[in-house]
Amino acid sequence: MNTFEKIYDVVRRIPKGKVATYGQIALYAGNPHWSRVVGYALHSNPSPDTIPCFRVVNRFGELSEAFVFGGINRQEELLRAEGIEVESGKVDLSVYLWDGK
């Protein structure tokens, strides 16, 4: 399995109503130094219907201004549709962060 496939495998596991950080995805994919690689992989997402990259936020819970499938507003819409509260472009990680299980 190549690096991007490992990343996509982890992102598929993020449950509805939760978010994960780039660093968290990197760690679960096998290398805690892959945060930027996670960003590249998500920007190249071949299947947004099955790889929910909109559930990935930065370490501060901030949405991506460069969200590849419609920008920050689209990411916010998708998160809100799952019941995740977004305030000023940010998600409360103490409430919505996925525990990796």
Protein backbone atom coordinates (compact mmCIF):
# COMPACT_ATOMS: atom_id res chain seq x y z
CA MET A 1 0.00 0.00 0.00
CA ASN A 2 1.50 3.36 -0.97
CA THR A 3 1.57 6.46 1.27
CA PHE A 4 -1.53 8.10 -0.17
CA GLU A 5 -3.49 4.85 0.12
CA LYS A 6 -2.49 4.59 3.79
CA ILE A 7 -3.69 8.16 4.34
CA TYR A 8 -6.98 7.54 2.53
CA ASP A 9 -7.52 4.39 4.58
CA VAL A 10 -7.25 6.40 7.81
CA VAL A 11 -9.47 9.24 6.55
CA ARG A 12 -12.18 6.73 5.62
CA ARG A 13 -12.26 5.65 9.29
CA ILE A 14 -13.14 9.11 10.66
CA PRO A 15 -16.75 8.71 11.78
CA LYS A 16 -19.56 11.00 10.81
CA GLY A 17 -19.76 13.91 13.27
CA LYS A 18 -16.04 13.84 14.10
CA VAL A 19 -12.90 15.49 12.73
CA ALA A 20 -9.22 14.60 12.75
CA THR A 21 -6.10 16.73 12.34
CA TYR A 22 -3.50 16.42 9.62
CA GLY A 23 -0.98 15.31 12.24
CA GLN A 24 -3.32 12.71 13.63
CA ILE A 25 -3.90 11.26 10.17
CA ALA A 26 -0.13 11.22 9.57
CA LEU A 27 0.46 9.38 12.84
CA TYR A 28 -2.23 6.76 12.20
CA ALA A 29 -0.99 6.31 8.61
CA GLY A 30 2.44 5.35 9.91
CA ASN A 31 4.62 8.47 10.09
CA PRO A 32 4.02 11.47 12.39
CA HIS A 33 6.10 13.64 10.04
CA TRP A 34 3.67 13.24 7.11
CA SER A 35 1.32 16.14 7.98
CA ARG A 36 2.14 17.99 4.75
CA VAL A 37 1.90 14.75 2.79
CA VAL A 38 -1.60 14.32 4.23
CA GLY A 39 -2.46 17.73 2.81
CA TYR A 40 -1.12 16.76 -0.61
CA ALA A 41 -3.02 13.47 -0.53
CA LEU A 42 -6.29 15.14 0.40
CA HIS A 43 -5.82 17.75 -2.31
CA SER A 44 -5.51 14.83 -4.76
CA ASN A 45 -8.47 12.92 -3.31
CA PRO A 46 -9.60 10.57 -6.11
CA SER A 47 -12.94 9.75 -4.48
CA PRO A 48 -14.46 12.49 -2.30
CA ASP A 49 -17.66 10.46 -1.94
CA THR A 50 -15.83 7.69 -0.07
CA ILE A 51 -12.81 9.57 1.34
CA PRO A 52 -14.30 12.32 3.55
CA CYS A 53 -11.39 14.76 3.46
CA PHE A 54 -13.68 17.55 4.67
CA ARG A 55 -13.42 15.96 8.13
CA VAL A 56 -9.71 16.87 8.34
CA VAL A 57 -8.77 20.17 10.01
CA ASN A 58 -5.52 21.69 11.22
CA ARG A 59 -4.12 21.27 14.74
CA PHE A 60 -6.10 24.30 15.93
CA GLY A 61 -9.37 22.97 14.54
CA GLU A 62 -9.34 25.47 11.69
CA LEU A 63 -10.89 24.67 8.35
CA SER A 64 -8.85 24.75 5.17
CA GLU A 65 -9.14 27.92 3.12
CA ALA A 66 -7.91 25.88 0.17
CA PHE A 67 -10.44 23.08 0.59
CA VAL A 68 -10.18 21.46 -2.80
CA PHE A 69 -13.86 20.68 -3.30
CA GLY A 70 -15.30 24.17 -2.97
CA GLY A 71 -13.30 26.17 -0.44
CA ILE A 72 -13.76 26.84 3.26
CA ASN A 73 -17.49 27.51 2.88
CA ARG A 74 -18.10 24.10 1.34
CA GLN A 75 -16.07 22.37 4.06
CA GLU A 76 -18.11 24.21 6.69
CA GLU A 77 -21.38 23.19 4.98
CA LEU A 78 -20.35 19.53 4.92
CA LEU A 79 -19.29 19.56 8.57
CA ARG A 80 -22.47 21.34 9.70
CA ALA A 81 -24.55 18.78 7.77
CA GLU A 82 -23.03 16.15 10.08
CA GLY A 83 -23.91 18.13 13.21
CA ILE A 84 -20.46 19.63 13.78
CA GLU A 85 -20.56 23.21 15.02
CA VAL A 86 -18.23 25.60 13.23
CA GLU A 87 -17.51 28.99 14.76
CA SER A 88 -15.46 31.55 12.84
CA GLY A 89 -13.97 28.85 10.58
CA LYS A 90 -13.00 26.65 13.50
CA VAL A 91 -14.17 23.40 15.13
CA ASP A 92 -13.90 22.78 18.88
CA LEU A 93 -11.47 19.86 19.05
CA SER A 94 -12.35 19.17 22.69
CA VAL A 95 -15.83 18.22 21.44
CA TYR A 96 -15.39 16.86 17.91
CA LEU A 97 -11.90 15.34 17.71
CA TRP A 98 -11.95 11.68 16.70
CA ASP A 99 -10.24 9.37 19.20
CA GLY A 100 -8.88 7.10 16.48
CA LYS A 101 -11.03 4.13 17.43
